């Protein structure tokens, strides 16, 4: 009866070890993206990754350059996996989260875009992702039309001294 009890305790010990190891040890980088089993979700991800960026050939290359910059600075970071979620039929949100060690706390940056498959458009929807988008694709500032209309042109005064 003692040997049966030892086997049970040993089995429970192994099970507890595996559970703790699964929680404690991080997953390796390069894991598969978190994408629903939906061909349109895969298409949305491909459109975002291959979309031209401001200072890189693609948005994915721009994100990778950002990550390389963190490495060069010696900043601790955790890069998440690409995630795709359907907002409504034919419209998907694609995002990638990067957590980096700040001065006192961790900073989470969400790089996110909205993809409309009907016309194959990629629009930025997060502040962090704005820095990667080409200038001509950035949305206008809120109330820009109202702000610029409120200022009057005042002639410049020149003083000779």
C-alpha atoms as a PDB file:
ATOM      1  CA  UNK A   1       0.000   0.000   0.000  1.00  0.00           C
ATOM      2  CA  UNK A   2       2.948   2.379   0.651  1.00  0.00           C
ATOM      3  CA  UNK A   3       4.295   1.954  -2.887  1.00  0.00           C
ATOM      4  CA  UNK A   4       0.887   2.895  -4.374  1.00  0.00           C
ATOM      5  CA  UNK A   5       0.792   6.030  -2.252  1.00  0.00           C
ATOM      6  CA  UNK A   6       4.326   6.983  -3.392  1.00  0.00           C
ATOM      7  CA  UNK A   7       3.337   6.581  -7.052  1.00  0.00           C
ATOM      8  CA  UNK A   8       0.278   8.803  -6.551  1.00  0.00           C
ATOM      9  CA  UNK A   9       2.332  11.469  -4.787  1.00  0.00           C
ATOM     10  CA  UNK A  10       5.046  11.265  -7.464  1.00  0.00           C
ATOM     11  CA  UNK A  11       2.406  11.620 -10.215  1.00  0.00           C
ATOM     12  CA  UNK A  12       0.871  14.632  -8.482  1.00  0.00           C
ATOM     13  CA  UNK A  13       4.328  16.165  -8.048  1.00  0.00           C
ATOM     14  CA  UNK A  14       5.055  15.794 -11.769  1.00  0.00           C
ATOM     15  CA  UNK A  15       1.663  17.296 -12.640  1.00  0.00           C
ATOM     16  CA  UNK A  16       2.221  20.290 -10.344  1.00  0.00           C
ATOM     17  CA  UNK A  17       5.716  20.781 -11.803  1.00  0.00           C
ATOM     18  CA  UNK A  18       4.372  20.809 -15.370  1.00  0.00           C
ATOM     19  CA  UNK A  19       1.638  23.313 -14.490  1.00  0.00           C
ATOM     20  CA  UNK A  20       4.081  25.629 -12.713  1.00  0.00           C
ATOM     21  CA  UNK A  21       6.618  25.330 -15.560  1.00  0.00           C
ATOM     22  CA  UNK A  22       3.913  26.214 -18.087  1.00  0.00           C
ATOM     23  CA  UNK A  23       3.040  29.358 -16.152  1.00  0.00           C
ATOM     24  CA  UNK A  24       6.547  30.502 -15.210  1.00  0.00           C
ATOM     25  CA  UNK A  25       8.547  29.891 -18.369  1.00  0.00           C
ATOM     26  CA  UNK A  26       7.774  32.273 -21.236  1.00  0.00           C
ATOM     27  CA  UNK A  27       6.762  30.989 -24.598  1.00  0.00           C
ATOM     28  CA  UNK A  28       9.425  31.198 -27.294  1.00  0.00           C
ATOM     29  CA  UNK A  29       9.295  34.116 -29.736  1.00  0.00           C
ATOM     30  CA  UNK A  30       8.119  33.480 -33.255  1.00  0.00           C
ATOM     31  CA  UNK A  31       4.963  31.781 -32.110  1.00  0.00           C
ATOM     32  CA  UNK A  32       1.993  31.656 -34.383  1.00  0.00           C
ATOM     33  CA  UNK A  33      -0.261  34.694 -34.565  1.00  0.00           C
ATOM     34  CA  UNK A  34      -3.569  34.722 -32.695  1.00  0.00           C
ATOM     35  CA  UNK A  35      -5.850  34.596 -35.725  1.00  0.00           C
ATOM     36  CA  UNK A  36      -9.294  33.049 -36.005  1.00  0.00           C
ATOM     37  CA  UNK A  37      -9.678  30.206 -38.482  1.00  0.00           C
ATOM     38  CA  UNK A  38     -10.992  32.601 -41.099  1.00  0.00           C
ATOM     39  CA  UNK A  39      -9.376  33.206 -44.510  1.00  0.00           C
ATOM     40  CA  UNK A  40     -10.432  36.872 -44.383  1.00  0.00           C
ATOM     41  CA  UNK A  41      -8.657  37.332 -41.038  1.00  0.00           C
ATOM     42  CA  UNK A  42      -5.484  35.947 -42.597  1.00  0.00           C
ATOM     43  CA  UNK A  43      -5.925  38.320 -45.535  1.00  0.00           C
ATOM     44  CA  UNK A  44      -6.329  41.273 -43.147  1.00  0.00           C
ATOM     45  CA  UNK A  45      -3.129  40.316 -41.342  1.00  0.00           C
ATOM     46  CA  UNK A  46      -1.262  39.998 -44.620  1.00  0.00           C
ATOM     47  CA  UNK A  47      -2.509  43.417 -45.755  1.00  0.00           C
ATOM     48  CA  UNK A  48      -1.264  45.048 -42.540  1.00  0.00           C
ATOM     49  CA  UNK A  49       2.104  43.292 -42.486  1.00  0.00           C
ATOM     50  CA  UNK A  50       2.802  44.146 -46.131  1.00  0.00           C
ATOM     51  CA  UNK A  51       1.395  47.693 -46.067  1.00  0.00           C
ATOM     52  CA  UNK A  52       4.011  50.390 -46.841  1.00  0.00           C
ATOM     53  CA  UNK A  53       5.372  52.184 -43.783  1.00  0.00           C
ATOM     54  CA  UNK A  54       6.784  55.666 -43.328  1.00  0.00           C
ATOM     55  CA  UNK A  55      10.440  54.709 -42.742  1.00  0.00           C
ATOM     56  CA  UNK A  56      10.472  51.061 -43.782  1.00  0.00           C
ATOM     57  CA  UNK A  57       9.289  49.004 -46.737  1.00  0.00           C
ATOM     58  CA  UNK A  58       6.401  47.486 -44.734  1.00  0.00           C
ATOM     59  CA  UNK A  59       4.609  47.945 -41.431  1.00  0.00           C
ATOM     60  CA  UNK A  60       6.012  44.629 -40.226  1.00  0.00           C
ATOM     61  CA  UNK A  61       9.538  45.808 -41.056  1.00  0.00           C
ATOM     62  CA  UNK A  62       8.862  49.079 -39.190  1.00  0.00           C
ATOM     63  CA  UNK A  63       7.746  47.168 -36.091  1.00  0.00           C
ATOM     64  CA  UNK A  64      10.830  44.951 -36.344  1.00  0.00           C
ATOM     65  CA  UNK A  65      13.054  48.052 -36.619  1.00  0.00           C
ATOM     66  CA  UNK A  66      11.394  49.379 -33.463  1.00  0.00           C
ATOM     67  CA  UNK A  67      12.131  46.093 -31.681  1.00  0.00           C
ATOM     68  CA  UNK A  68      15.752  46.171 -32.875  1.00  0.00           C
ATOM     69  CA  UNK A  69      16.043  49.719 -31.500  1.00  0.00           C
ATOM     70  CA  UNK A  70      14.870  48.470 -28.098  1.00  0.00           C
ATOM     71  CA  UNK A  71      17.470  45.692 -28.227  1.00  0.00           C
ATOM     72  CA  UNK A  72      20.242  48.126 -29.158  1.00  0.00           C
ATOM     73  CA  UNK A  73      19.294  50.401 -26.259  1.00  0.00           C
ATOM     74  CA  UNK A  74      19.331  47.444 -23.891  1.00  0.00           C
ATOM     75  CA  UNK A  75      15.669  47.965 -23.021  1.00  0.00           C
ATOM     76  CA  UNK A  76      13.867  44.907 -21.689  1.00  0.00           C
ATOM     77  CA  UNK A  77      10.745  44.132 -23.715  1.00  0.00           C
ATOM     78  CA  UNK A  78       8.166  41.500 -24.482  1.00  0.00           C
ATOM     79  CA  UNK A  79       6.752  41.300 -27.987  1.00  0.00           C
ATOM     80  CA  UNK A  80       3.307  39.791 -28.204  1.00  0.00           C
ATOM     81  CA  UNK A  81       1.841  37.972 -31.123  1.00  0.00           C
ATOM     82  CA  UNK A  82      -0.159  39.440 -33.987  1.00  0.00           C
ATOM     83  CA  UNK A  83      -3.867  39.390 -33.190  1.00  0.00           C
ATOM     84  CA  UNK A  84      -6.802  39.718 -35.561  1.00  0.00           C
ATOM     85  CA  UNK A  85     -10.412  40.258 -34.603  1.00  0.00           C
ATOM     86  CA  UNK A  86     -13.474  40.817 -36.732  1.00  0.00           C
ATOM     87  CA  UNK A  87     -15.242  44.106 -35.978  1.00  0.00           C
ATOM     88  CA  UNK A  88     -18.046  43.505 -38.464  1.00  0.00           C
ATOM     89  CA  UNK A  89     -18.329  41.541 -41.727  1.00  0.00           C
ATOM     90  CA  UNK A  90     -15.407  42.466 -43.970  1.00  0.00           C
ATOM     91  CA  UNK A  91     -13.757  44.733 -41.367  1.00  0.00           C
ATOM     92  CA  UNK A  92     -10.980  43.499 -39.108  1.00  0.00           C
ATOM     93  CA  UNK A  93      -8.774  44.977 -36.402  1.00  0.00           C
ATOM     94  CA  UNK A  94      -5.165  43.835 -36.455  1.00  0.00           C
ATOM     95  CA  UNK A  95      -2.848  44.545 -33.535  1.00  0.00           C
ATOM     96  CA  UNK A  96       0.464  43.766 -31.972  1.00  0.00           C
ATOM     97  CA  UNK A  97       1.345  44.593 -28.367  1.00  0.00           C
ATOM     98  CA  UNK A  98       4.876  45.389 -27.247  1.00  0.00           C
ATOM     99  CA  UNK A  99       5.635  45.837 -23.550  1.00  0.00           C
ATOM    100  CA  UNK A 100       8.862  47.610 -22.722  1.00  0.00           C
ATOM    101  CA  UNK A 101      10.519  48.371 -19.424  1.00  0.00           C
ATOM    102  CA  UNK A 102      10.251  52.062 -18.646  1.00  0.00           C
ATOM    103  CA  UNK A 103      12.032  53.955 -15.905  1.00  0.00           C
ATOM    104  CA  UNK A 104       9.792  52.686 -13.098  1.00  0.00           C
ATOM    105  CA  UNK A 105       7.124  50.564 -14.775  1.00  0.00           C
ATOM    106  CA  UNK A 106       6.364  48.562 -17.868  1.00  0.00           C
ATOM    107  CA  UNK A 107       4.928  50.516 -20.812  1.00  0.00           C
ATOM    108  CA  UNK A 108       2.461  48.790 -23.106  1.00  0.00           C
ATOM    109  CA  UNK A 109       2.319  49.951 -26.709  1.00  0.00           C
ATOM    110  CA  UNK A 110      -0.513  48.756 -28.885  1.00  0.00           C
ATOM    111  CA  UNK A 111       0.129  48.944 -32.605  1.00  0.00           C
ATOM    112  CA  UNK A 112      -3.306  48.587 -34.209  1.00  0.00           C
ATOM    113  CA  UNK A 113      -4.888  49.024 -37.598  1.00  0.00           C
ATOM    114  CA  UNK A 114      -8.377  48.594 -39.076  1.00  0.00           C
ATOM    115  CA  UNK A 115      -8.603  46.723 -42.377  1.00  0.00           C
ATOM    116  CA  UNK A 116     -11.558  47.000 -44.730  1.00  0.00           C
ATOM    117  CA  UNK A 117     -11.330  44.080 -47.116  1.00  0.00           C
ATOM    118  CA  UNK A 118     -13.844  45.437 -49.632  1.00  0.00           C
ATOM    119  CA  UNK A 119     -11.448  48.168 -50.759  1.00  0.00           C
ATOM    120  CA  UNK A 120      -8.261  46.705 -49.176  1.00  0.00           C
ATOM    121  CA  UNK A 121      -7.659  49.773 -46.993  1.00  0.00           C
ATOM    122  CA  UNK A 122      -5.504  49.849 -43.873  1.00  0.00           C
ATOM    123  CA  UNK A 123      -6.238  52.645 -41.378  1.00  0.00           C
ATOM    124  CA  UNK A 124      -4.349  53.365 -38.189  1.00  0.00           C
ATOM    125  CA  UNK A 125      -6.407  53.117 -34.981  1.00  0.00           C
ATOM    126  CA  UNK A 126      -3.802  53.427 -32.230  1.00  0.00           C
ATOM    127  CA  UNK A 127      -1.496  56.242 -31.232  1.00  0.00           C
ATOM    128  CA  UNK A 128       1.607  54.034 -31.219  1.00  0.00           C
ATOM    129  CA  UNK A 129       0.953  52.866 -34.798  1.00  0.00           C
ATOM    130  CA  UNK A 130       0.683  56.448 -36.081  1.00  0.00           C
ATOM    131  CA  UNK A 131       4.487  56.700 -36.089  1.00  0.00           C
ATOM    132  CA  UNK A 132       4.763  53.924 -38.676  1.00  0.00           C
ATOM    133  CA  UNK A 133       2.104  55.088 -41.133  1.00  0.00           C
ATOM    134  CA  UNK A 134       3.012  57.221 -44.157  1.00  0.00           C
ATOM    135  CA  UNK A 135       2.083  60.870 -43.590  1.00  0.00           C
ATOM    136  CA  UNK A 136      -0.429  60.957 -46.449  1.00  0.00           C
ATOM    137  CA  UNK A 137      -2.419  58.126 -44.823  1.00  0.00           C
ATOM    138  CA  UNK A 138      -2.795  59.693 -41.394  1.00  0.00           C
ATOM    139  CA  UNK A 139      -6.274  60.816 -40.360  1.00  0.00           C
ATOM    140  CA  UNK A 140      -6.893  64.537 -40.022  1.00  0.00           C
ATOM    141  CA  UNK A 141      -6.603  66.121 -36.601  1.00  0.00           C
ATOM    142  CA  UNK A 142      -9.890  66.311 -34.684  1.00  0.00           C
ATOM    143  CA  UNK A 143     -11.752  69.542 -35.432  1.00  0.00           C
ATOM    144  CA  UNK A 144      -8.976  70.607 -37.823  1.00  0.00           C
ATOM    145  CA  UNK A 145     -11.447  72.327 -40.113  1.00  0.00           C
ATOM    146  CA  UNK A 146     -12.877  74.336 -37.207  1.00  0.00           C
ATOM    147  CA  UNK A 147      -9.498  75.316 -35.797  1.00  0.00           C
ATOM    148  CA  UNK A 148      -7.977  76.602 -39.012  1.00  0.00           C
ATOM    149  CA  UNK A 149     -11.103  78.655 -39.775  1.00  0.00           C
ATOM    150  CA  UNK A 150     -10.993  80.553 -36.485  1.00  0.00           C
ATOM    151  CA  UNK A 151      -7.642  82.218 -37.041  1.00  0.00           C
ATOM    152  CA  UNK A 152      -7.540  85.407 -39.022  1.00  0.00           C
ATOM    153  CA  UNK A 153      -4.628  86.330 -41.163  1.00  0.00           C
ATOM    154  CA  UNK A 154      -2.846  89.267 -39.646  1.00  0.00           C
ATOM    155  CA  UNK A 155      -0.294  91.042 -41.800  1.00  0.00           C
ATOM    156  CA  UNK A 156       3.242  90.740 -40.523  1.00  0.00           C
ATOM    157  CA  UNK A 157       4.580  93.994 -39.142  1.00  0.00           C
ATOM    158  CA  UNK A 158       8.106  94.898 -40.070  1.00  0.00           C
ATOM    159  CA  UNK A 159      10.092  97.221 -37.886  1.00  0.00           C
ATOM    160  CA  UNK A 160      13.320  98.786 -38.906  1.00  0.00           C
ATOM    161  CA  UNK A 161      15.533  99.438 -36.045  1.00  0.00           C
END
